[in-house]
C-alpha atoms as a PDB file:
ATOM      1  CA  UNK A   1       4.430 -16.484  -6.685  1.00  0.00           C
ATOM      2  CA  UNK A   2       7.452 -18.158  -5.120  1.00  0.00           C
ATOM      3  CA  UNK A   3      10.710 -16.779  -6.502  1.00  0.00           C
ATOM      4  CA  UNK A   4      13.431 -19.435  -6.654  1.00  0.00           C
ATOM      5  CA  UNK A   5      17.105 -18.841  -5.926  1.00  0.00           C
ATOM      6  CA  UNK A   6      19.646 -21.441  -7.013  1.00  0.00           C
ATOM      7  CA  UNK A   7      22.857 -21.710  -5.020  1.00  0.00           C
ATOM      8  CA  UNK A   8      24.718 -24.379  -6.976  1.00  0.00           C
ATOM      9  CA  UNK A   9      23.699 -23.988 -10.615  1.00  0.00           C
ATOM     10  CA  UNK A  10      25.579 -24.720 -13.820  1.00  0.00           C
ATOM     11  CA  UNK A  11      25.198 -23.207 -17.271  1.00  0.00           C
ATOM     12  CA  UNK A  12      26.199 -25.680 -19.976  1.00  0.00           C
ATOM     13  CA  UNK A  13      26.742 -23.931 -23.276  1.00  0.00           C
ATOM     14  CA  UNK A  14      27.860 -24.912 -26.733  1.00  0.00           C
ATOM     15  CA  UNK A  15      30.575 -22.420 -27.726  1.00  0.00           C
ATOM     16  CA  UNK A  16      29.990 -23.342 -31.378  1.00  0.00           C
ATOM     17  CA  UNK A  17      26.234 -22.731 -31.246  1.00  0.00           C
ATOM     18  CA  UNK A  18      25.092 -20.719 -34.232  1.00  0.00           C
ATOM     19  CA  UNK A  19      22.832 -18.536 -32.088  1.00  0.00           C
ATOM     20  CA  UNK A  20      25.769 -17.311 -30.015  1.00  0.00           C
ATOM     21  CA  UNK A  21      27.501 -15.891 -33.085  1.00  0.00           C
ATOM     22  CA  UNK A  22      30.800 -14.048 -32.859  1.00  0.00           C
ATOM     23  CA  UNK A  23      29.981 -12.716 -29.395  1.00  0.00           C
ATOM     24  CA  UNK A  24      29.145 -16.059 -27.809  1.00  0.00           C
ATOM     25  CA  UNK A  25      31.397 -15.686 -24.785  1.00  0.00           C
ATOM     26  CA  UNK A  26      30.077 -12.182 -24.130  1.00  0.00           C
ATOM     27  CA  UNK A  27      26.481 -13.436 -24.272  1.00  0.00           C
ATOM     28  CA  UNK A  28      27.279 -16.208 -21.788  1.00  0.00           C
ATOM     29  CA  UNK A  29      29.049 -13.755 -19.473  1.00  0.00           C
ATOM     30  CA  UNK A  30      26.059 -11.404 -19.640  1.00  0.00           C
ATOM     31  CA  UNK A  31      23.697 -14.258 -18.844  1.00  0.00           C
ATOM     32  CA  UNK A  32      25.795 -15.342 -15.856  1.00  0.00           C
ATOM     33  CA  UNK A  33      25.893 -11.734 -14.594  1.00  0.00           C
ATOM     34  CA  UNK A  34      22.111 -11.446 -14.983  1.00  0.00           C
ATOM     35  CA  UNK A  35      21.604 -14.670 -13.065  1.00  0.00           C
ATOM     36  CA  UNK A  36      23.962 -13.467 -10.365  1.00  0.00           C
ATOM     37  CA  UNK A  37      21.993 -10.227 -10.041  1.00  0.00           C
ATOM     38  CA  UNK A  38      19.022 -12.340  -8.955  1.00  0.00           C
ATOM     39  CA  UNK A  39      21.064 -14.202  -6.361  1.00  0.00           C
ATOM     40  CA  UNK A  40      21.833 -17.361  -8.340  1.00  0.00           C
ATOM     41  CA  UNK A  41      25.311 -18.837  -8.060  1.00  0.00           C
ATOM     42  CA  UNK A  42      26.102 -20.144 -11.542  1.00  0.00           C
ATOM     43  CA  UNK A  43      29.195 -21.795 -13.006  1.00  0.00           C
ATOM     44  CA  UNK A  44      29.496 -21.679 -16.829  1.00  0.00           C
ATOM     45  CA  UNK A  45      30.654 -24.945 -18.420  1.00  0.00           C
ATOM     46  CA  UNK A  46      31.456 -25.105 -22.175  1.00  0.00           C
ATOM     47  CA  UNK A  47      30.800 -28.325 -24.058  1.00  0.00           C
ATOM     48  CA  UNK A  48      33.771 -30.015 -25.689  1.00  0.00           C
ATOM     49  CA  UNK A  49      32.165 -31.296 -28.862  1.00  0.00           C
ATOM     50  CA  UNK A  50      29.357 -33.610 -29.978  1.00  0.00           C
ATOM     51  CA  UNK A  51      28.202 -35.937 -27.196  1.00  0.00           C
ATOM     52  CA  UNK A  52      30.119 -34.201 -24.410  1.00  0.00           C
ATOM     53  CA  UNK A  53      27.084 -32.555 -22.777  1.00  0.00           C
ATOM     54  CA  UNK A  54      25.850 -35.950 -21.568  1.00  0.00           C
ATOM     55  CA  UNK A  55      28.873 -36.538 -19.339  1.00  0.00           C
ATOM     56  CA  UNK A  56      29.093 -32.867 -18.363  1.00  0.00           C
ATOM     57  CA  UNK A  57      25.485 -32.928 -17.138  1.00  0.00           C
ATOM     58  CA  UNK A  58      26.183 -36.103 -15.170  1.00  0.00           C
ATOM     59  CA  UNK A  59      29.225 -34.434 -13.589  1.00  0.00           C
ATOM     60  CA  UNK A  60      27.095 -31.450 -12.595  1.00  0.00           C
ATOM     61  CA  UNK A  61      24.556 -33.757 -10.949  1.00  0.00           C
ATOM     62  CA  UNK A  62      27.340 -35.552  -9.063  1.00  0.00           C
ATOM     63  CA  UNK A  63      28.560 -32.173  -7.816  1.00  0.00           C
ATOM     64  CA  UNK A  64      25.146 -31.507  -6.284  1.00  0.00           C
ATOM     65  CA  UNK A  65      23.659 -29.186  -8.928  1.00  0.00           C
ATOM     66  CA  UNK A  66      20.338 -27.652  -7.921  1.00  0.00           C
ATOM     67  CA  UNK A  67      19.835 -26.381 -11.487  1.00  0.00           C
ATOM     68  CA  UNK A  68      21.367 -27.114 -14.894  1.00  0.00           C
ATOM     69  CA  UNK A  69      20.742 -24.487 -17.560  1.00  0.00           C
ATOM     70  CA  UNK A  70      21.552 -25.252 -21.182  1.00  0.00           C
ATOM     71  CA  UNK A  71      22.410 -22.596 -23.785  1.00  0.00           C
ATOM     72  CA  UNK A  72      22.466 -24.277 -27.163  1.00  0.00           C
ATOM     73  CA  UNK A  73      20.336 -25.907 -29.800  1.00  0.00           C
ATOM     74  CA  UNK A  74      18.153 -28.993 -29.728  1.00  0.00           C
ATOM     75  CA  UNK A  75      21.131 -31.349 -29.879  1.00  0.00           C
ATOM     76  CA  UNK A  76      22.828 -29.865 -26.821  1.00  0.00           C
ATOM     77  CA  UNK A  77      19.559 -29.869 -24.856  1.00  0.00           C
ATOM     78  CA  UNK A  78      18.995 -33.513 -25.786  1.00  0.00           C
ATOM     79  CA  UNK A  79      22.484 -34.499 -24.651  1.00  0.00           C
ATOM     80  CA  UNK A  80      22.128 -32.705 -21.319  1.00  0.00           C
ATOM     81  CA  UNK A  81      18.729 -34.302 -20.742  1.00  0.00           C
ATOM     82  CA  UNK A  82      20.222 -37.754 -21.387  1.00  0.00           C
ATOM     83  CA  UNK A  83      22.685 -37.042 -18.585  1.00  0.00           C
ATOM     84  CA  UNK A  84      19.888 -35.948 -16.217  1.00  0.00           C
ATOM     85  CA  UNK A  85      17.179 -38.595 -16.680  1.00  0.00           C
ATOM     86  CA  UNK A  86      15.931 -40.025 -13.354  1.00  0.00           C
ATOM     87  CA  UNK A  87      17.727 -37.324 -11.330  1.00  0.00           C
ATOM     88  CA  UNK A  88      16.144 -34.527  -9.309  1.00  0.00           C
ATOM     89  CA  UNK A  89      18.111 -31.578 -10.712  1.00  0.00           C
ATOM     90  CA  UNK A  90      15.852 -29.359 -12.853  1.00  0.00           C
ATOM     91  CA  UNK A  91      16.696 -28.518 -16.456  1.00  0.00           C
ATOM     92  CA  UNK A  92      16.261 -24.977 -17.783  1.00  0.00           C
ATOM     93  CA  UNK A  93      16.617 -23.913 -21.412  1.00  0.00           C
ATOM     94  CA  UNK A  94      18.203 -20.729 -22.767  1.00  0.00           C
ATOM     95  CA  UNK A  95      17.857 -21.030 -26.556  1.00  0.00           C
ATOM     96  CA  UNK A  96      20.806 -20.759 -28.905  1.00  0.00           C
ATOM     97  CA  UNK A  97      21.981 -22.859 -31.841  1.00  0.00           C
ATOM     98  CA  UNK A  98      20.393 -23.704 -35.179  1.00  0.00           C
ATOM     99  CA  UNK A  99      17.028 -24.359 -33.585  1.00  0.00           C
ATOM    100  CA  UNK A 100      15.464 -24.950 -30.213  1.00  0.00           C
ATOM    101  CA  UNK A 101      12.063 -26.607 -30.434  1.00  0.00           C
ATOM    102  CA  UNK A 102      11.740 -26.913 -26.663  1.00  0.00           C
ATOM    103  CA  UNK A 103      12.251 -23.188 -26.116  1.00  0.00           C
ATOM    104  CA  UNK A 104       9.684 -22.407 -28.824  1.00  0.00           C
ATOM    105  CA  UNK A 105       7.190 -24.766 -27.208  1.00  0.00           C
ATOM    106  CA  UNK A 106       7.685 -23.146 -23.806  1.00  0.00           C
ATOM    107  CA  UNK A 107       7.472 -19.623 -25.229  1.00  0.00           C
ATOM    108  CA  UNK A 108      11.022 -18.882 -24.097  1.00  0.00           C
ATOM    109  CA  UNK A 109      12.469 -16.522 -26.699  1.00  0.00           C
ATOM    110  CA  UNK A 110      14.757 -13.497 -26.647  1.00  0.00           C
ATOM    111  CA  UNK A 111      18.321 -12.509 -25.725  1.00  0.00           C
ATOM    112  CA  UNK A 112      20.037 -14.738 -23.189  1.00  0.00           C
ATOM    113  CA  UNK A 113      20.557 -11.954 -20.653  1.00  0.00           C
ATOM    114  CA  UNK A 114      16.836 -11.114 -20.715  1.00  0.00           C
ATOM    115  CA  UNK A 115      15.779 -14.737 -20.359  1.00  0.00           C
ATOM    116  CA  UNK A 116      18.290 -15.205 -17.543  1.00  0.00           C
ATOM    117  CA  UNK A 117      16.366 -12.652 -15.468  1.00  0.00           C
ATOM    118  CA  UNK A 118      13.214 -14.761 -15.938  1.00  0.00           C
ATOM    119  CA  UNK A 119      14.711 -17.963 -14.496  1.00  0.00           C
ATOM    120  CA  UNK A 120      13.738 -16.990 -10.951  1.00  0.00           C
ATOM    121  CA  UNK A 121      10.074 -17.002 -12.005  1.00  0.00           C
ATOM    122  CA  UNK A 122      10.094 -20.351 -13.827  1.00  0.00           C
ATOM    123  CA  UNK A 123       8.572 -23.297 -11.978  1.00  0.00           C
ATOM    124  CA  UNK A 124       9.748 -26.927 -11.846  1.00  0.00           C
ATOM    125  CA  UNK A 125       7.492 -29.647 -13.250  1.00  0.00           C
ATOM    126  CA  UNK A 126       8.208 -33.348 -13.491  1.00  0.00           C
ATOM    127  CA  UNK A 127       7.585 -34.507 -17.056  1.00  0.00           C
ATOM    128  CA  UNK A 128       7.703 -37.707 -19.044  1.00  0.00           C
ATOM    129  CA  UNK A 129      10.318 -38.337 -21.709  1.00  0.00           C
ATOM    130  CA  UNK A 130      10.474 -40.546 -24.766  1.00  0.00           C
ATOM    131  CA  UNK A 131      12.887 -43.431 -25.062  1.00  0.00           C
ATOM    132  CA  UNK A 132      14.035 -44.644 -28.464  1.00  0.00           C
ATOM    133  CA  UNK A 133      15.382 -48.139 -28.995  1.00  0.00           C
ATOM    134  CA  UNK A 134      16.902 -48.436 -32.478  1.00  0.00           C
ATOM    135  CA  UNK A 135      19.097 -50.702 -34.584  1.00  0.00           C
ATOM    136  CA  UNK A 136      17.224 -53.743 -33.296  1.00  0.00           C
ATOM    137  CA  UNK A 137      18.024 -52.914 -29.667  1.00  0.00           C
ATOM    138  CA  UNK A 138      21.676 -51.987 -30.145  1.00  0.00           C
ATOM    139  CA  UNK A 139      21.177 -48.296 -29.342  1.00  0.00           C
ATOM    140  CA  UNK A 140      18.963 -46.434 -26.871  1.00  0.00           C
ATOM    141  CA  UNK A 141      18.407 -42.725 -26.353  1.00  0.00           C
ATOM    142  CA  UNK A 142      15.998 -40.524 -24.431  1.00  0.00           C
ATOM    143  CA  UNK A 143      14.351 -37.526 -26.038  1.00  0.00           C
ATOM    144  CA  UNK A 144      12.215 -34.646 -24.804  1.00  0.00           C
ATOM    145  CA  UNK A 145      10.617 -33.474 -28.033  1.00  0.00           C
ATOM    146  CA  UNK A 146      10.399 -35.637 -31.113  1.00  0.00           C
ATOM    147  CA  UNK A 147      11.503 -38.829 -32.804  1.00  0.00           C
ATOM    148  CA  UNK A 148      11.258 -38.832 -36.593  1.00  0.00           C
ATOM    149  CA  UNK A 149      11.380 -41.947 -38.768  1.00  0.00           C
ATOM    150  CA  UNK A 150      11.934 -42.037 -42.506  1.00  0.00           C
ATOM    151  CA  UNK A 151      11.932 -38.875 -44.590  1.00  0.00           C
ATOM    152  CA  UNK A 152      13.070 -36.297 -42.045  1.00  0.00           C
ATOM    153  CA  UNK A 153      15.716 -38.610 -40.558  1.00  0.00           C
ATOM    154  CA  UNK A 154      17.176 -39.131 -44.037  1.00  0.00           C
ATOM    155  CA  UNK A 155      17.250 -35.360 -44.476  1.00  0.00           C
ATOM    156  CA  UNK A 156      19.075 -34.996 -41.132  1.00  0.00           C
ATOM    157  CA  UNK A 157      21.589 -37.600 -42.326  1.00  0.00           C
ATOM    158  CA  UNK A 158      22.264 -35.632 -45.507  1.00  0.00           C
ATOM    159  CA  UNK A 159      22.746 -32.182 -43.945  1.00  0.00           C
ATOM    160  CA  UNK A 160      26.324 -30.957 -44.238  1.00  0.00           C
ATOM    161  CA  UNK A 161      27.469 -29.748 -40.769  1.00  0.00           C
ATOM    162  CA  UNK A 162      29.341 -26.802 -42.299  1.00  0.00           C
ATOM    163  CA  UNK A 163      26.285 -25.749 -44.309  1.00  0.00           C
ATOM    164  CA  UNK A 164      24.190 -26.112 -41.152  1.00  0.00           C
ATOM    165  CA  UNK A 165      26.511 -23.712 -39.312  1.00  0.00           C
ATOM    166  CA  UNK A 166      26.243 -21.215 -42.141  1.00  0.00           C
ATOM    167  CA  UNK A 167      22.549 -21.431 -43.048  1.00  0.00           C
ATOM    168  CA  UNK A 168      20.867 -22.782 -39.930  1.00  0.00           C
ATOM    169  CA  UNK A 169      17.400 -24.237 -40.593  1.00  0.00           C
ATOM    170  CA  UNK A 170      17.719 -23.474 -44.301  1.00  0.00           C
ATOM    171  CA  UNK A 171      20.287 -26.263 -44.519  1.00  0.00           C
ATOM    172  CA  UNK A 172      17.513 -28.783 -43.790  1.00  0.00           C
ATOM    173  CA  UNK A 173      15.285 -27.319 -46.508  1.00  0.00           C
ATOM    174  CA  UNK A 174      18.102 -27.569 -49.067  1.00  0.00           C
ATOM    175  CA  UNK A 175      18.784 -31.155 -48.009  1.00  0.00           C
ATOM    176  CA  UNK A 176      15.060 -31.841 -48.330  1.00  0.00           C
ATOM    177  CA  UNK A 177      15.077 -30.670 -51.931  1.00  0.00           C
ATOM    178  CA  UNK A 178      17.497 -33.473 -52.750  1.00  0.00           C
ATOM    179  CA  UNK A 179      14.768 -35.948 -51.762  1.00  0.00           C
ATOM    180  CA  UNK A 180      12.471 -34.752 -54.573  1.00  0.00           C
ATOM    181  CA  UNK A 181      14.032 -37.284 -56.940  1.00  0.00           C
ATOM    182  CA  UNK A 182      13.328 -40.976 -56.583  1.00  0.00           C
ATOM    183  CA  UNK A 183      10.866 -42.807 -54.372  1.00  0.00           C
ATOM    184  CA  UNK A 184      10.751 -42.793 -50.590  1.00  0.00           C
ATOM    185  CA  UNK A 185      11.131 -45.933 -48.514  1.00  0.00           C
ATOM    186  CA  UNK A 186       7.931 -47.049 -46.787  1.00  0.00           C
ATOM    187  CA  UNK A 187       7.938 -48.890 -43.477  1.00  0.00           C
ATOM    188  CA  UNK A 188       5.325 -50.257 -41.066  1.00  0.00           C
ATOM    189  CA  UNK A 189       4.172 -48.472 -37.913  1.00  0.00           C
ATOM    190  CA  UNK A 190       2.269 -50.181 -35.104  1.00  0.00           C
ATOM    191  CA  UNK A 191       0.550 -47.982 -32.500  1.00  0.00           C
ATOM    192  CA  UNK A 192      -1.947 -49.419 -30.026  1.00  0.00           C
ATOM    193  CA  UNK A 193      -3.170 -52.118 -32.376  1.00  0.00           C
ATOM    194  CA  UNK A 194      -3.237 -49.787 -35.383  1.00  0.00           C
ATOM    195  CA  UNK A 195      -0.908 -50.840 -38.216  1.00  0.00           C
ATOM    196  CA  UNK A 196      -0.130 -48.309 -40.939  1.00  0.00           C
ATOM    197  CA  UNK A 197       2.393 -47.913 -43.758  1.00  0.00           C
ATOM    198  CA  UNK A 198       4.374 -44.674 -43.715  1.00  0.00           C
ATOM    199  CA  UNK A 199       7.305 -42.978 -45.380  1.00  0.00           C
ATOM    200  CA  UNK A 200       7.495 -40.413 -42.573  1.00  0.00           C
ATOM    201  CA  UNK A 201       6.390 -40.823 -38.970  1.00  0.00           C
ATOM    202  CA  UNK A 202       6.597 -38.528 -35.970  1.00  0.00           C
ATOM    203  CA  UNK A 203       6.390 -39.505 -32.313  1.00  0.00           C
ATOM    204  CA  UNK A 204       6.156 -36.119 -30.670  1.00  0.00           C
ATOM    205  CA  UNK A 205       5.899 -34.653 -27.185  1.00  0.00           C
ATOM    206  CA  UNK A 206       5.409 -31.144 -28.593  1.00  0.00           C
ATOM    207  CA  UNK A 207       2.827 -29.533 -30.857  1.00  0.00           C
ATOM    208  CA  UNK A 208       5.184 -27.873 -33.299  1.00  0.00           C
ATOM    209  CA  UNK A 209       7.567 -29.544 -35.714  1.00  0.00           C
ATOM    210  CA  UNK A 210      10.800 -27.658 -36.223  1.00  0.00           C
ATOM    211  CA  UNK A 211       9.386 -24.872 -34.061  1.00  0.00           C
ATOM    212  CA  UNK A 212       7.194 -23.560 -36.903  1.00  0.00           C
ATOM    213  CA  UNK A 213       4.779 -26.191 -38.282  1.00  0.00           C
ATOM    214  CA  UNK A 214       1.882 -27.335 -36.120  1.00  0.00           C
ATOM    215  CA  UNK A 215       1.625 -31.057 -36.870  1.00  0.00           C
ATOM    216  CA  UNK A 216       0.893 -32.977 -33.660  1.00  0.00           C
ATOM    217  CA  UNK A 217      -1.572 -30.611 -32.016  1.00  0.00           C
ATOM    218  CA  UNK A 218      -2.668 -33.377 -29.667  1.00  0.00           C
ATOM    219  CA  UNK A 219       0.807 -33.553 -28.095  1.00  0.00           C
ATOM    220  CA  UNK A 220       1.967 -31.682 -25.007  1.00  0.00           C
ATOM    221  CA  UNK A 221       4.909 -31.896 -22.613  1.00  0.00           C
ATOM    222  CA  UNK A 222       2.543 -32.175 -19.639  1.00  0.00           C
ATOM    223  CA  UNK A 223       0.861 -35.265 -21.085  1.00  0.00           C
ATOM    224  CA  UNK A 224       2.119 -38.796 -20.518  1.00  0.00           C
ATOM    225  CA  UNK A 225       1.920 -39.949 -24.121  1.00  0.00           C
ATOM    226  CA  UNK A 226       3.046 -39.154 -27.662  1.00  0.00           C
ATOM    227  CA  UNK A 227       1.236 -37.403 -30.435  1.00  0.00           C
ATOM    228  CA  UNK A 228       1.799 -39.531 -33.530  1.00  0.00           C
ATOM    229  CA  UNK A 229       1.626 -38.301 -37.125  1.00  0.00           C
ATOM    230  CA  UNK A 230       1.961 -40.919 -39.867  1.00  0.00           C
ATOM    231  CA  UNK A 231       2.347 -39.930 -43.519  1.00  0.00           C
ATOM    232  CA  UNK A 232       1.814 -42.426 -46.336  1.00  0.00           C
ATOM    233  CA  UNK A 233       3.186 -42.387 -49.877  1.00  0.00           C
ATOM    234  CA  UNK A 234       6.367 -43.169 -51.746  1.00  0.00           C
ATOM    235  CA  UNK A 235       6.237 -40.044 -53.929  1.00  0.00           C
ATOM    236  CA  UNK A 236       8.099 -37.062 -52.410  1.00  0.00           C
ATOM    237  CA  UNK A 237       5.783 -34.692 -54.300  1.00  0.00           C
ATOM    238  CA  UNK A 238       2.912 -35.906 -52.135  1.00  0.00           C
ATOM    239  CA  UNK A 239       4.551 -34.026 -49.286  1.00  0.00           C
ATOM    240  CA  UNK A 240       3.864 -30.705 -50.975  1.00  0.00           C
ATOM    241  CA  UNK A 241       0.204 -31.403 -50.276  1.00  0.00           C
ATOM    242  CA  UNK A 242       0.977 -32.466 -46.724  1.00  0.00           C
ATOM    243  CA  UNK A 243       2.927 -29.233 -46.184  1.00  0.00           C
ATOM    244  CA  UNK A 244       0.017 -27.173 -47.494  1.00  0.00           C
ATOM    245  CA  UNK A 245      -2.365 -29.017 -45.172  1.00  0.00           C
ATOM    246  CA  UNK A 246      -0.078 -28.434 -42.187  1.00  0.00           C
ATOM    247  CA  UNK A 247       0.065 -24.716 -42.960  1.00  0.00           C
ATOM    248  CA  UNK A 248      -3.719 -24.613 -43.338  1.00  0.00           C
ATOM    249  CA  UNK A 249      -4.331 -26.627 -40.159  1.00  0.00           C
ATOM    250  CA  UNK A 250      -6.194 -29.392 -42.002  1.00  0.00           C
ATOM    251  CA  UNK A 251      -3.906 -32.407 -41.523  1.00  0.00           C
ATOM    252  CA  UNK A 252      -6.637 -34.197 -39.568  1.00  0.00           C
ATOM    253  CA  UNK A 253      -8.774 -34.180 -42.722  1.00  0.00           C
ATOM    254  CA  UNK A 254      -6.030 -35.033 -45.222  1.00  0.00           C
ATOM    255  CA  UNK A 255      -5.953 -38.364 -47.033  1.00  0.00           C
ATOM    256  CA  UNK A 256      -2.809 -40.339 -46.288  1.00  0.00           C
ATOM    257  CA  UNK A 257      -2.292 -38.761 -42.844  1.00  0.00           C
ATOM    258  CA  UNK A 258      -3.059 -40.556 -39.582  1.00  0.00           C
ATOM    259  CA  UNK A 259      -3.020 -38.616 -36.299  1.00  0.00           C
ATOM    260  CA  UNK A 260      -3.350 -40.467 -33.007  1.00  0.00           C
ATOM    261  CA  UNK A 261      -1.991 -40.661 -29.469  1.00  0.00           C
ATOM    262  CA  UNK A 262      -0.291 -43.473 -27.608  1.00  0.00           C
ATOM    263  CA  UNK A 263       2.430 -44.493 -25.194  1.00  0.00           C
ATOM    264  CA  UNK A 264       4.389 -46.786 -27.490  1.00  0.00           C
ATOM    265  CA  UNK A 265       5.019 -47.498 -31.170  1.00  0.00           C
ATOM    266  CA  UNK A 266       7.077 -49.976 -33.153  1.00  0.00           C
ATOM    267  CA  UNK A 267       8.643 -49.333 -36.564  1.00  0.00           C
ATOM    268  CA  UNK A 268       9.848 -52.030 -38.954  1.00  0.00           C
ATOM    269  CA  UNK A 269      11.426 -51.764 -42.389  1.00  0.00           C
ATOM    270  CA  UNK A 270       9.748 -53.357 -45.398  1.00  0.00           C
ATOM    271  CA  UNK A 271      12.785 -53.753 -47.628  1.00  0.00           C
ATOM    272  CA  UNK A 272      16.570 -54.167 -47.476  1.00  0.00           C
ATOM    273  CA  UNK A 273      17.411 -50.445 -47.632  1.00  0.00           C
ATOM    274  CA  UNK A 274      18.059 -48.729 -44.275  1.00  0.00           C
ATOM    275  CA  UNK A 275      15.359 -46.471 -42.814  1.00  0.00           C
ATOM    276  CA  UNK A 276      16.827 -43.918 -40.415  1.00  0.00           C
ATOM    277  CA  UNK A 277      15.582 -42.464 -37.130  1.00  0.00           C
ATOM    278  CA  UNK A 278      16.341 -39.061 -35.633  1.00  0.00           C
ATOM    279  CA  UNK A 279      15.611 -37.670 -32.175  1.00  0.00           C
ATOM    280  CA  UNK A 280      15.508 -33.952 -31.421  1.00  0.00           C
ATOM    281  CA  UNK A 281      17.170 -33.222 -34.756  1.00  0.00           C
ATOM    282  CA  UNK A 282      20.097 -35.646 -34.422  1.00  0.00           C
ATOM    283  CA  UNK A 283      20.568 -38.950 -36.267  1.00  0.00           C
ATOM    284  CA  UNK A 284      19.981 -41.806 -33.805  1.00  0.00           C
ATOM    285  CA  UNK A 285      20.032 -45.094 -35.715  1.00  0.00           C
ATOM    286  CA  UNK A 286      17.929 -47.173 -38.079  1.00  0.00           C
ATOM    287  CA  UNK A 287      14.986 -49.590 -38.073  1.00  0.00           C
ATOM    288  CA  UNK A 288      13.842 -51.804 -36.512  1.00  0.00           C
ATOM    289  CA  UNK A 289      13.049 -49.385 -33.701  1.00  0.00           C
ATOM    290  CA  UNK A 290      10.510 -48.535 -31.045  1.00  0.00           C
ATOM    291  CA  UNK A 291       9.578 -45.557 -28.885  1.00  0.00           C
ATOM    292  CA  UNK A 292       7.985 -45.601 -25.461  1.00  0.00           C
ATOM    293  CA  UNK A 293       6.987 -43.124 -22.775  1.00  0.00           C
ATOM    294  CA  UNK A 294       9.047 -42.997 -19.570  1.00  0.00           C
ATOM    295  CA  UNK A 295       6.805 -41.346 -16.940  1.00  0.00           C
ATOM    296  CA  UNK A 296       8.248 -38.757 -14.547  1.00  0.00           C
ATOM    297  CA  UNK A 297      11.688 -38.940 -16.140  1.00  0.00           C
ATOM    298  CA  UNK A 298      12.925 -35.360 -15.719  1.00  0.00           C
ATOM    299  CA  UNK A 299      12.259 -32.083 -13.918  1.00  0.00           C
ATOM    300  CA  UNK A 300      11.865 -29.186 -16.355  1.00  0.00           C
ATOM    301  CA  UNK A 301      11.697 -25.472 -15.532  1.00  0.00           C
ATOM    302  CA  UNK A 302       8.760 -23.870 -17.345  1.00  0.00           C
ATOM    303  CA  UNK A 303       7.212 -20.376 -17.387  1.00  0.00           C
ATOM    304  CA  UNK A 304       4.102 -20.258 -15.213  1.00  0.00           C
ATOM    305  CA  UNK A 305       1.969 -19.367 -18.248  1.00  0.00           C
ATOM    306  CA  UNK A 306       2.854 -22.734 -19.774  1.00  0.00           C
ATOM    307  CA  UNK A 307       0.970 -24.454 -16.930  1.00  0.00           C
ATOM    308  CA  UNK A 308      -2.340 -22.982 -18.116  1.00  0.00           C
ATOM    309  CA  UNK A 309      -2.636 -25.929 -20.504  1.00  0.00           C
ATOM    310  CA  UNK A 310      -5.209 -28.484 -19.390  1.00  0.00           C
ATOM    311  CA  UNK A 311      -6.079 -31.915 -20.739  1.00  0.00           C
END
């Protein structure tokens, strides 16, 4: 095993991340000290608010970063990745925040100072990323994990940021309960010649949704395509059955669910009401929209055990 030492690394962190709690600065300091103990030279860089990690990551690349670590939730990781696409600097993830799907997928869990000591053993791998084009082409955004259309994006739009800080993932469940009244908007999804109606669609690069539900088992970060999951039905109560099937591992045999793989999909609204899109847990626009694979877009540091996956 080759042990890596990084001489010009940066640690971007969200000082407001829920996972850092009251002792956020101490946790970051401990992580930097742990990295230094392994010979890494690391400069901590706090984010300045929503959207700032994109420019901060770009600045780090311009300064010759040989590693950019991110301590935060899915939103902060997504922003940093958008500032690193098509560069050679590797991205490493130290989970904090409301949720971190990427860290869960990689099996990277635990206190920051413990994970920091593992960085030297992680290996760089070039991976594909997803690219979302939304609002009829007016907005574009890269994503590493998942794009959600319909139901979950509307839930993301309804989550109160203050409640999210207080309750974490529970805030999304409470927002979801508000969708149990009324009908859901259906839209059309086109994937590789297959056209389906859906009220919820996932284009995923990871197997787990929200870090806990296994929905797109055919997806993997080392593949060059998406795992798609399309859910039909305007009744929100139908999703209780879908949830039960996901927990039981029987989605592939559930009526109203279509699972498939592909490199591109297009989404179009059926009616006048807006249908929203989210990427990596952040609202990203509305239909019409499309997603596509961008091969070899980013270098990601992964634990060696993660490489045991084979196609």
